C-alpha atoms as a PDB file:
ATOM      1  CA  MET A   1     -12.980   1.646 -16.470  1.00  0.00           C
ATOM      2  CA  ALA A   2     -13.716  -1.277 -14.435  1.00  0.00           C
ATOM      3  CA  THR A   3     -12.780  -1.208 -10.998  1.00  0.00           C
ATOM      4  CA  PHE A   4     -13.726  -3.821  -8.058  1.00  0.00           C
ATOM      5  CA  LEU A   5     -13.945  -4.172  -4.563  1.00  0.00           C
ATOM      6  CA  PHE A   6     -12.558  -7.135  -2.163  1.00  0.00           C
ATOM      7  CA  ASP A   7     -15.662  -8.603  -0.884  1.00  0.00           C
ATOM      8  CA  LYS A   8     -14.420 -10.573   2.159  1.00  0.00           C
ATOM      9  CA  ILE A   9     -12.140  -9.885   5.179  1.00  0.00           C
ATOM     10  CA  ILE A  10      -9.569 -12.632   4.077  1.00  0.00           C
ATOM     11  CA  PHE A  11      -9.276 -12.927   0.658  1.00  0.00           C
ATOM     12  CA  GLY A  12      -7.003 -15.212  -1.496  1.00  0.00           C
ATOM     13  CA  PRO A  13      -4.634 -16.244  -1.523  1.00  0.00           C
ATOM     14  CA  VAL A  14      -3.126 -14.572  -4.705  1.00  0.00           C
ATOM     15  CA  LYS A  15      -0.199 -14.301  -6.484  1.00  0.00           C
ATOM     16  CA  SER A  16       1.738 -10.969  -5.922  1.00  0.00           C
ATOM     17  CA  ARG A  17       3.576  -9.257  -8.109  1.00  0.00           C
ATOM     18  CA  ARG A  18       5.669  -7.816  -5.402  1.00  0.00           C
ATOM     19  CA  LEU A  19       5.510 -10.264  -2.575  1.00  0.00           C
ATOM     20  CA  GLY A  20       4.690 -13.795  -3.599  1.00  0.00           C
ATOM     21  CA  VAL A  21       1.803 -16.285  -2.330  1.00  0.00           C
ATOM     22  CA  SER A  22      -0.057 -13.562  -0.325  1.00  0.00           C
ATOM     23  CA  LEU A  23      -2.808 -13.957   2.018  1.00  0.00           C
ATOM     24  CA  GLY A  24      -5.177 -10.828   2.028  1.00  0.00           C
ATOM     25  CA  VAL A  25      -6.592  -9.451   5.123  1.00  0.00           C
ATOM     26  CA  ASN A  26      -9.583  -6.344   4.580  1.00  0.00           C
ATOM     27  CA  LEU A  27     -10.033  -4.215   7.299  1.00  0.00           C
ATOM     28  CA  LEU A  28     -12.294  -2.030   5.715  1.00  0.00           C
ATOM     29  CA  PRO A  29     -15.998  -2.360   4.522  1.00  0.00           C
ATOM     30  CA  THR A  30     -17.093  -5.020   1.680  1.00  0.00           C
ATOM     31  CA  GLN A  31     -19.461  -3.193   0.018  1.00  0.00           C
ATOM     32  CA  THR A  32     -17.740   0.300  -0.300  1.00  0.00           C
ATOM     33  CA  LYS A  33     -14.143   1.959  -0.082  1.00  0.00           C
ATOM     34  CA  VAL A  34     -13.177   3.870   2.861  1.00  0.00           C
ATOM     35  CA  CYS A  35      -9.693   5.616   2.315  1.00  0.00           C
ATOM     36  CA  SER A  36      -7.855   8.759   3.035  1.00  0.00           C
ATOM     37  CA  PHE A  37      -6.568   9.317  -0.404  1.00  0.00           C
ATOM     38  CA  ASP A  38      -8.304   8.703  -3.354  1.00  0.00           C
ATOM     39  CA  CYS A  39      -5.834   7.823  -6.084  1.00  0.00           C
ATOM     40  CA  ILE A  40      -6.687   8.050  -9.682  1.00  0.00           C
ATOM     41  CA  TYR A  41      -5.406   4.719 -10.583  1.00  0.00           C
ATOM     42  CA  CYS A  42      -7.214   2.865  -7.761  1.00  0.00           C
ATOM     43  CA  GLU A  43      -7.855  -0.847  -8.897  1.00  0.00           C
ATOM     44  CA  CYS A  44     -10.826  -0.142  -6.488  1.00  0.00           C
ATOM     45  CA  GLY A  45     -12.661   2.662  -7.915  1.00  0.00           C
ATOM     46  CA  PHE A  46     -13.137   6.526  -6.405  1.00  0.00           C
ATOM     47  CA  THR A  47     -13.365   6.749  -2.752  1.00  0.00           C
ATOM     48  CA  PRO A  48     -16.878   7.716  -2.087  1.00  0.00           C
ATOM     49  CA  LYS A  49     -17.759  11.496  -1.624  1.00  0.00           C
ATOM     50  CA  GLU A  50     -20.401  10.477   1.206  1.00  0.00           C
ATOM     51  CA  TYR A  51     -22.238   7.246   1.851  1.00  0.00           C
ATOM     52  CA  GLU A  52     -25.907   6.207   1.350  1.00  0.00           C
ATOM     53  CA  GLU A  53     -25.655   3.989   4.326  1.00  0.00           C
ATOM     54  CA  LYS A  54     -23.813   3.887   7.933  1.00  0.00           C
ATOM     55  CA  VAL A  55     -20.304   1.405   6.707  1.00  0.00           C
ATOM     56  CA  SER A  56     -19.288  -0.408   9.747  1.00  0.00           C
ATOM     57  CA  LEU A  57     -15.464  -2.018   9.789  1.00  0.00           C
ATOM     58  CA  PRO A  58     -14.700  -5.651  10.844  1.00  0.00           C
ATOM     59  CA  ALA A  59     -14.486  -6.000  14.689  1.00  0.00           C
ATOM     60  CA  ARG A  60     -10.894  -7.290  15.767  1.00  0.00           C
ATOM     61  CA  GLU A  61     -12.240 -10.340  17.270  1.00  0.00           C
ATOM     62  CA  GLU A  62     -13.615 -11.356  13.955  1.00  0.00           C
ATOM     63  CA  VAL A  63     -10.754 -10.767  12.005  1.00  0.00           C
ATOM     64  CA  LYS A  64      -8.552 -12.847  14.348  1.00  0.00           C
ATOM     65  CA  ALA A  65     -11.159 -15.810  13.838  1.00  0.00           C
ATOM     66  CA  ARG A  66     -11.032 -15.718  10.561  1.00  0.00           C
ATOM     67  CA  LEU A  67      -7.651 -15.637   9.690  1.00  0.00           C
ATOM     68  CA  GLU A  68      -6.972 -18.045  12.364  1.00  0.00           C
ATOM     69  CA  THR A  69      -9.691 -20.339  10.134  1.00  0.00           C
ATOM     70  CA  LYS A  70      -8.078 -19.946   7.199  1.00  0.00           C
ATOM     71  CA  LEU A  71      -4.688 -20.091   8.085  1.00  0.00           C
ATOM     72  CA  ARG A  72      -5.384 -23.614   9.582  1.00  0.00           C
ATOM     73  CA  GLU A  73      -7.243 -24.483   6.442  1.00  0.00           C
ATOM     74  CA  MET A  74      -4.252 -23.692   4.286  1.00  0.00           C
ATOM     75  CA  GLY A  75      -2.117 -25.572   6.754  1.00  0.00           C
ATOM     76  CA  ALA A  76      -3.815 -28.459   6.606  1.00  0.00           C
ATOM     77  CA  GLU A  77      -3.193 -28.536   3.001  1.00  0.00           C
ATOM     78  CA  GLY A  78       0.255 -27.950   3.144  1.00  0.00           C
ATOM     79  CA  GLN A  79      -0.040 -24.477   1.164  1.00  0.00           C
ATOM     80  CA  LEU A  80       0.528 -21.716   3.852  1.00  0.00           C
ATOM     81  CA  PRO A  81       1.524 -18.260   2.199  1.00  0.00           C
ATOM     82  CA  ASP A  82       4.520 -15.924   1.834  1.00  0.00           C
ATOM     83  CA  VAL A  83       3.106 -13.000   3.435  1.00  0.00           C
ATOM     84  CA  ILE A  84      -0.112 -12.175   5.121  1.00  0.00           C
ATOM     85  CA  THR A  85      -0.494  -8.931   3.496  1.00  0.00           C
ATOM     86  CA  PHE A  86      -3.082  -5.816   4.662  1.00  0.00           C
ATOM     87  CA  ALA A  87      -4.631  -4.449   1.560  1.00  0.00           C
ATOM     88  CA  GLY A  88      -8.637  -4.226   0.708  1.00  0.00           C
ATOM     89  CA  ASN A  89     -10.568  -1.541   0.151  1.00  0.00           C
ATOM     90  CA  GLY A  90      -9.107   1.406   1.508  1.00  0.00           C
ATOM     91  CA  GLU A  91      -6.151   2.381   3.780  1.00  0.00           C
ATOM     92  CA  PRO A  92      -5.937  -0.767   6.677  1.00  0.00           C
ATOM     93  CA  THR A  93      -4.454   2.034   9.415  1.00  0.00           C
ATOM     94  CA  LEU A  94      -7.356   3.543   9.291  1.00  0.00           C
ATOM     95  CA  HIS A  95      -9.098   0.581  11.196  1.00  0.00           C
ATOM     96  CA  PRO A  96      -9.303   1.707  15.064  1.00  0.00           C
ATOM     97  CA  GLU A  97      -8.214  -1.567  16.317  1.00  0.00           C
ATOM     98  CA  PHE A  98      -5.172  -1.569  14.020  1.00  0.00           C
ATOM     99  CA  ALA A  99      -2.525  -1.951  16.293  1.00  0.00           C
ATOM    100  CA  GLY A 100      -4.176  -4.688  18.063  1.00  0.00           C
ATOM    101  CA  ILE A 101      -4.756  -6.637  15.044  1.00  0.00           C
ATOM    102  CA  ILE A 102      -1.406  -6.656  14.134  1.00  0.00           C
ATOM    103  CA  ASP A 103      -0.703  -7.938  17.441  1.00  0.00           C
ATOM    104  CA  ASP A 104      -3.197 -10.699  17.212  1.00  0.00           C
ATOM    105  CA  THR A 105      -1.792 -11.347  13.476  1.00  0.00           C
ATOM    106  CA  ILE A 106       1.516 -11.833  14.730  1.00  0.00           C
ATOM    107  CA  GLU A 107       0.466 -14.420  17.748  1.00  0.00           C
ATOM    108  CA  LEU A 108      -1.337 -16.312  14.261  1.00  0.00           C
ATOM    109  CA  ARG A 109       1.425 -16.180  12.569  1.00  0.00           C
ATOM    110  CA  ASN A 110       4.425 -17.220  15.031  1.00  0.00           C
ATOM    111  CA  SER A 111       2.101 -20.344  15.920  1.00  0.00           C
ATOM    112  CA  LEU A 112       0.412 -21.526  12.543  1.00  0.00           C
ATOM    113  CA  ALA A 113       2.615 -20.187   9.737  1.00  0.00           C
ATOM    114  CA  PRO A 114       5.795 -19.148  11.201  1.00  0.00           C
ATOM    115  CA  GLU A 115       7.740 -18.726   7.974  1.00  0.00           C
ATOM    116  CA  ALA A 116       5.195 -16.074   6.423  1.00  0.00           C
ATOM    117  CA  ARG A 117       5.803 -12.447   6.439  1.00  0.00           C
ATOM    118  CA  ILE A 118       3.511  -9.391   7.642  1.00  0.00           C
ATOM    119  CA  ALA A 119       2.753  -6.969   4.974  1.00  0.00           C
ATOM    120  CA  VAL A 120       0.995  -3.656   5.349  1.00  0.00           C
ATOM    121  CA  LEU A 121       0.405  -2.095   1.974  1.00  0.00           C
ATOM    122  CA  SER A 122      -0.377   1.697   3.417  1.00  0.00           C
ATOM    123  CA  ASN A 123      -0.587   5.399   1.992  1.00  0.00           C
ATOM    124  CA  ALA A 124       1.525   6.385   4.729  1.00  0.00           C
ATOM    125  CA  THR A 125      -1.374   9.244   6.251  1.00  0.00           C
ATOM    126  CA  MET A 126      -1.683   7.617   9.256  1.00  0.00           C
ATOM    127  CA  ILE A 127       1.551   7.159  10.237  1.00  0.00           C
ATOM    128  CA  HIS A 128       1.575  10.412  12.625  1.00  0.00           C
ATOM    129  CA  ARG A 129      -0.324   8.143  14.969  1.00  0.00           C
ATOM    130  CA  LYS A 130       1.895   6.496  17.828  1.00  0.00           C
ATOM    131  CA  PRO A 131       0.201   3.005  17.751  1.00  0.00           C
ATOM    132  CA  VAL A 132       0.222   2.583  13.886  1.00  0.00           C
ATOM    133  CA  PHE A 133       3.753   3.767  14.010  1.00  0.00           C
ATOM    134  CA  ASP A 134       4.784   1.605  16.387  1.00  0.00           C
ATOM    135  CA  ALA A 135       2.598  -1.426  14.911  1.00  0.00           C
ATOM    136  CA  LEU A 136       4.311  -1.149  11.478  1.00  0.00           C
ATOM    137  CA  LEU A 137       7.903  -1.448  13.054  1.00  0.00           C
ATOM    138  CA  LYS A 138       6.729  -4.726  14.366  1.00  0.00           C
ATOM    139  CA  ILE A 139       6.286  -6.335  10.814  1.00  0.00           C
ATOM    140  CA  LYS A 140       8.692  -7.350   8.182  1.00  0.00           C
ATOM    141  CA  ASP A 141       6.994  -5.441   4.922  1.00  0.00           C
ATOM    142  CA  ASN A 142       6.388  -2.388   5.887  1.00  0.00           C
ATOM    143  CA  ILE A 143       5.236  -0.729   2.857  1.00  0.00           C
ATOM    144  CA  GLN A 144       4.637   2.821   2.208  1.00  0.00           C
ATOM    145  CA  LYS A 145       3.383   4.659  -0.470  1.00  0.00           C
ATOM    146  CA  LEU A 146       5.580   7.807  -1.747  1.00  0.00           C
ATOM    147  CA  ASP A 147       3.966   8.597  -5.635  1.00  0.00           C
ATOM    148  CA  SER A 148       6.518  12.082  -5.578  1.00  0.00           C
ATOM    149  CA  ALA A 149       8.535  13.847  -3.872  1.00  0.00           C
ATOM    150  CA  PHE A 150       6.731  17.622  -4.653  1.00  0.00           C
ATOM    151  CA  GLU A 151       3.461  18.033  -2.483  1.00  0.00           C
ATOM    152  CA  GLU A 152       2.002  19.027  -5.883  1.00  0.00           C
ATOM    153  CA  THR A 153       1.984  15.954  -7.946  1.00  0.00           C
ATOM    154  CA  VAL A 154       0.821  13.729  -4.678  1.00  0.00           C
ATOM    155  CA  LYS A 155      -2.326  15.993  -4.728  1.00  0.00           C
ATOM    156  CA  ILE A 156      -2.780  15.342  -8.548  1.00  0.00           C
ATOM    157  CA  ILE A 157      -2.131  11.656  -8.366  1.00  0.00           C
ATOM    158  CA  ASP A 158      -3.311  11.116  -4.680  1.00  0.00           C
ATOM    159  CA  CYS A 159      -6.032  13.027  -4.392  1.00  0.00           C
ATOM    160  CA  PRO A 160      -5.803  13.269  -0.240  1.00  0.00           C
ATOM    161  CA  LYS A 161      -9.007  13.704   1.355  1.00  0.00           C
ATOM    162  CA  GLY A 162      -9.394  15.540   4.548  1.00  0.00           C
ATOM    163  CA  SER A 163      -6.535  16.983   6.397  1.00  0.00           C
ATOM    164  CA  PHE A 164      -2.924  16.105   5.045  1.00  0.00           C
ATOM    165  CA  ASN A 165       0.377  16.856   6.093  1.00  0.00           C
ATOM    166  CA  PHE A 166       3.051  16.447   3.104  1.00  0.00           C
ATOM    167  CA  GLN A 167       6.063  17.217   5.403  1.00  0.00           C
ATOM    168  CA  GLN A 168       5.132  15.372   8.281  1.00  0.00           C
ATOM    169  CA  THR A 169       4.424  12.676   6.734  1.00  0.00           C
ATOM    170  CA  ILE A 170       7.942  12.829   5.407  1.00  0.00           C
ATOM    171  CA  GLU A 171       9.327  13.154   8.460  1.00  0.00           C
ATOM    172  CA  GLN A 172       7.383  10.151   9.880  1.00  0.00           C
ATOM    173  CA  LEU A 173       8.974   8.124   6.722  1.00  0.00           C
ATOM    174  CA  ILE A 174      12.648   9.318   7.668  1.00  0.00           C
ATOM    175  CA  ALA A 175      11.584   8.474  11.280  1.00  0.00           C
ATOM    176  CA  PHE A 176      11.581   4.611  10.560  1.00  0.00           C
ATOM    177  CA  ASN A 177      15.428   4.844  10.540  1.00  0.00           C
ATOM    178  CA  GLY A 178      15.304   2.483   7.261  1.00  0.00           C
ATOM    179  CA  LYS A 179      12.821  -0.106   8.623  1.00  0.00           C
ATOM    180  CA  VAL A 180      10.387   0.704   5.714  1.00  0.00           C
ATOM    181  CA  ILE A 181       9.962  -0.215   2.486  1.00  0.00           C
ATOM    182  CA  ILE A 182       8.725   2.589  -0.326  1.00  0.00           C
ATOM    183  CA  GLN A 183       6.344   1.869  -3.234  1.00  0.00           C
ATOM    184  CA  THR A 184       5.960   4.039  -5.954  1.00  0.00           C
ATOM    185  CA  MET A 185       3.742   4.102  -8.953  1.00  0.00           C
ATOM    186  CA  PHE A 186       4.482   5.628 -11.987  1.00  0.00           C
ATOM    187  CA  ILE A 187       1.872   7.168 -14.464  1.00  0.00           C
ATOM    188  CA  ARG A 188       1.369   9.800 -17.234  1.00  0.00           C
ATOM    189  CA  GLY A 189      -1.643  11.152 -18.777  1.00  0.00           C
ATOM    190  CA  SER A 190      -4.167  13.419 -17.343  1.00  0.00           C
ATOM    191  CA  PHE A 191      -6.890  14.204 -15.087  1.00  0.00           C
ATOM    192  CA  LYS A 192      -9.774  16.687 -15.265  1.00  0.00           C
ATOM    193  CA  GLY A 193      -7.637  18.269 -17.984  1.00  0.00           C
ATOM    194  CA  GLN A 194      -4.583  18.448 -15.954  1.00  0.00           C
ATOM    195  CA  ALA A 195      -1.477  16.793 -17.353  1.00  0.00           C
ATOM    196  CA  LEU A 196       0.364  14.674 -14.855  1.00  0.00           C
ATOM    197  CA  ASP A 197       3.622  12.710 -15.429  1.00  0.00           C
ATOM    198  CA  ASN A 198       5.940  11.789 -12.097  1.00  0.00           C
ATOM    199  CA  THR A 199       8.756  10.010 -14.665  1.00  0.00           C
ATOM    200  CA  THR A 200      10.295  13.464 -15.759  1.00  0.00           C
ATOM    201  CA  GLU A 201      13.871  14.706 -14.949  1.00  0.00           C
ATOM    202  CA  ALA A 202      12.694  16.678 -11.998  1.00  0.00           C
ATOM    203  CA  GLU A 203      10.301  14.368 -10.317  1.00  0.00           C
ATOM    204  CA  ILE A 204      12.633  11.326 -10.447  1.00  0.00           C
ATOM    205  CA  SER A 205      15.868  13.705  -9.249  1.00  0.00           C
ATOM    206  CA  ALA A 206      13.775  14.917  -6.470  1.00  0.00           C
ATOM    207  CA  TRP A 207      12.373  11.714  -5.611  1.00  0.00           C
ATOM    208  CA  LEU A 208      15.662   9.926  -5.580  1.00  0.00           C
ATOM    209  CA  GLU A 209      16.919  12.843  -2.979  1.00  0.00           C
ATOM    210  CA  LEU A 210      14.099  12.461  -0.990  1.00  0.00           C
ATOM    211  CA  LEU A 211      14.514   8.547  -1.065  1.00  0.00           C
ATOM    212  CA  LYS A 212      18.164   9.224   0.037  1.00  0.00           C
ATOM    213  CA  LYS A 213      17.110  10.744   3.436  1.00  0.00           C
ATOM    214  CA  ILE A 214      14.103   7.656   4.015  1.00  0.00           C
ATOM    215  CA  LYS A 215      16.725   5.600   3.586  1.00  0.00           C
ATOM    216  CA  PRO A 216      14.436   2.673   2.869  1.00  0.00           C
ATOM    217  CA  ARG A 217      15.089  -0.997   3.379  1.00  0.00           C
ATOM    218  CA  GLN A 218      13.700  -1.645  -0.001  1.00  0.00           C
ATOM    219  CA  VAL A 219      12.039   0.140  -3.160  1.00  0.00           C
ATOM    220  CA  MET A 220       9.455  -0.998  -4.636  1.00  0.00           C
ATOM    221  CA  ILE A 221       8.274   0.586  -8.232  1.00  0.00           C
ATOM    222  CA  TYR A 222       5.536  -0.157 -10.879  1.00  0.00           C
ATOM    223  CA  THR A 223       2.904   0.714 -13.227  1.00  0.00           C
ATOM    224  CA  ILE A 224      -0.345   0.518 -14.025  1.00  0.00           C
ATOM    225  CA  ALA A 225      -1.290  -3.220 -14.299  1.00  0.00           C
ATOM    226  CA  ARG A 226      -5.146  -3.291 -13.521  1.00  0.00           C
ATOM    227  CA  ASP A 227      -8.087  -1.061 -14.591  1.00  0.00           C
ATOM    228  CA  THR A 228      -8.395   2.214 -13.216  1.00  0.00           C
ATOM    229  CA  PRO A 229     -11.447   4.709 -12.514  1.00  0.00           C
ATOM    230  CA  VAL A 230      -9.636   7.168 -14.876  1.00  0.00           C
ATOM    231  CA  ASP A 231      -9.409   6.168 -18.592  1.00  0.00           C
ATOM    232  CA  THR A 232      -6.553   9.049 -19.726  1.00  0.00           C
ATOM    233  CA  LEU A 233      -3.870   7.346 -17.585  1.00  0.00           C
ATOM    234  CA  GLN A 234      -1.143   5.501 -19.439  1.00  0.00           C
ATOM    235  CA  LYS A 235       1.412   2.888 -18.292  1.00  0.00           C
ATOM    236  CA  VAL A 236       4.999   3.213 -18.542  1.00  0.00           C
ATOM    237  CA  SER A 237       6.943   1.009 -20.217  1.00  0.00           C
ATOM    238  CA  LEU A 238       9.440  -1.807 -18.239  1.00  0.00           C
ATOM    239  CA  LYS A 239      12.303  -0.297 -20.001  1.00  0.00           C
ATOM    240  CA  GLU A 240      11.594   3.407 -18.518  1.00  0.00           C
ATOM    241  CA  LEU A 241      11.116   1.768 -14.861  1.00  0.00           C
ATOM    242  CA  ASN A 242      14.226  -0.416 -14.980  1.00  0.00           C
ATOM    243  CA  ALA A 243      15.926   2.959 -16.020  1.00  0.00           C
ATOM    244  CA  ILE A 244      14.640   4.256 -13.363  1.00  0.00           C
ATOM    245  CA  ALA A 245      15.411   1.624 -11.075  1.00  0.00           C
ATOM    246  CA  GLU A 246      19.266   1.640 -12.261  1.00  0.00           C
ATOM    247  CA  ARG A 247      19.387   5.604 -11.025  1.00  0.00           C
ATOM    248  CA  ALA A 248      18.242   4.351  -7.782  1.00  0.00           C
ATOM    249  CA  ARG A 249      20.521   1.412  -7.625  1.00  0.00           C
ATOM    250  CA  ASN A 250      23.401   3.599  -8.365  1.00  0.00           C
ATOM    251  CA  ALA A 251      22.194   6.023  -5.265  1.00  0.00           C
ATOM    252  CA  GLY A 252      22.815   2.679  -3.259  1.00  0.00           C
ATOM    253  CA  LEU A 253      19.011   1.732  -2.915  1.00  0.00           C
ATOM    254  CA  ASP A 254      17.525  -1.719  -3.252  1.00  0.00           C
ATOM    255  CA  VAL A 255      14.977  -1.540  -6.064  1.00  0.00           C
ATOM    256  CA  GLN A 256      12.125  -4.377  -7.196  1.00  0.00           C
ATOM    257  CA  VAL A 257      10.528  -3.582 -10.167  1.00  0.00           C
ATOM    258  CA  SER A 258       7.146  -4.825 -11.455  1.00  0.00           C
ATOM    259  CA  GLY A 259       6.256  -3.941 -15.274  1.00  0.00           C
END
C-alpha cells in the first residue's frame, strides 16, 4: 500500500488525532527513512536495509533556524501550535544532537510560543542513552512506544534493527518514574505468513501488568489510520479499543483512544 515521507525539516501544522494542532519537526533525512525499528504498520514505509547514497541529518543550527522562522510566521498570523512534535521519517532520538536540539526547542518555545507543549514520538530504543533520557525528562509529552509486553510480539510487529534489549527498554521506561506517555498500536493480521494479534487476552493482561509497573502519566491507544507497507493488516474496531481502554482505566490509568 502507498506510504509517504515528510519532505521538510519543519512540517505542518497538522491536526493530530492525539495532540491537537501540531507543528512537526523531522530530524531525519527528507528523502529516506532512518529508524531503529521497521514497524510493519509505519506510514513512512519500510526502513531501507541499505542506502544507495550517504544520508545526512539536518544540523542542529538549521533545525533551530527553521523552527524559529516558522514559529514567528505562525505567531504573526495568530495561529501558534498546541504542540511542537518531533516525529518525521524515523526515530528522532537517533540524531546525535537530539539533546541539544531539545534545549534549543525549549528556548524557542518559551520565547515565541509559551503555551505550546513539546512532544517526542519515540520507539524507546535510545532511552538507555543518558543524554536522550535526560532530554526527554525536560518535555511535557515524552511519548514512548510499547506495542506489547511480549518480546516475541514486539519483534513481529516492530521488527527491531540491530541490537535491541527489550528488558533494558522496559527498565528504562520504569525509570522515568511516571514522566512518560505510553502509546500502543493495536493491530491484527499476518506478516510473512505468521499470524499476529496484540489484542488477545494474554496480550492485554500482560500489557496491563507492565503498565502498572511503568505508571505512565497517560496511555494512548490507537489503530491503523493511514496506509501501511503491509496489506495484510487489519484495523481494530473502536468498540474493541474502548473495551481495552476501560480495562486500563479500571487499573487506574489515564487513557486516550484514537480509532
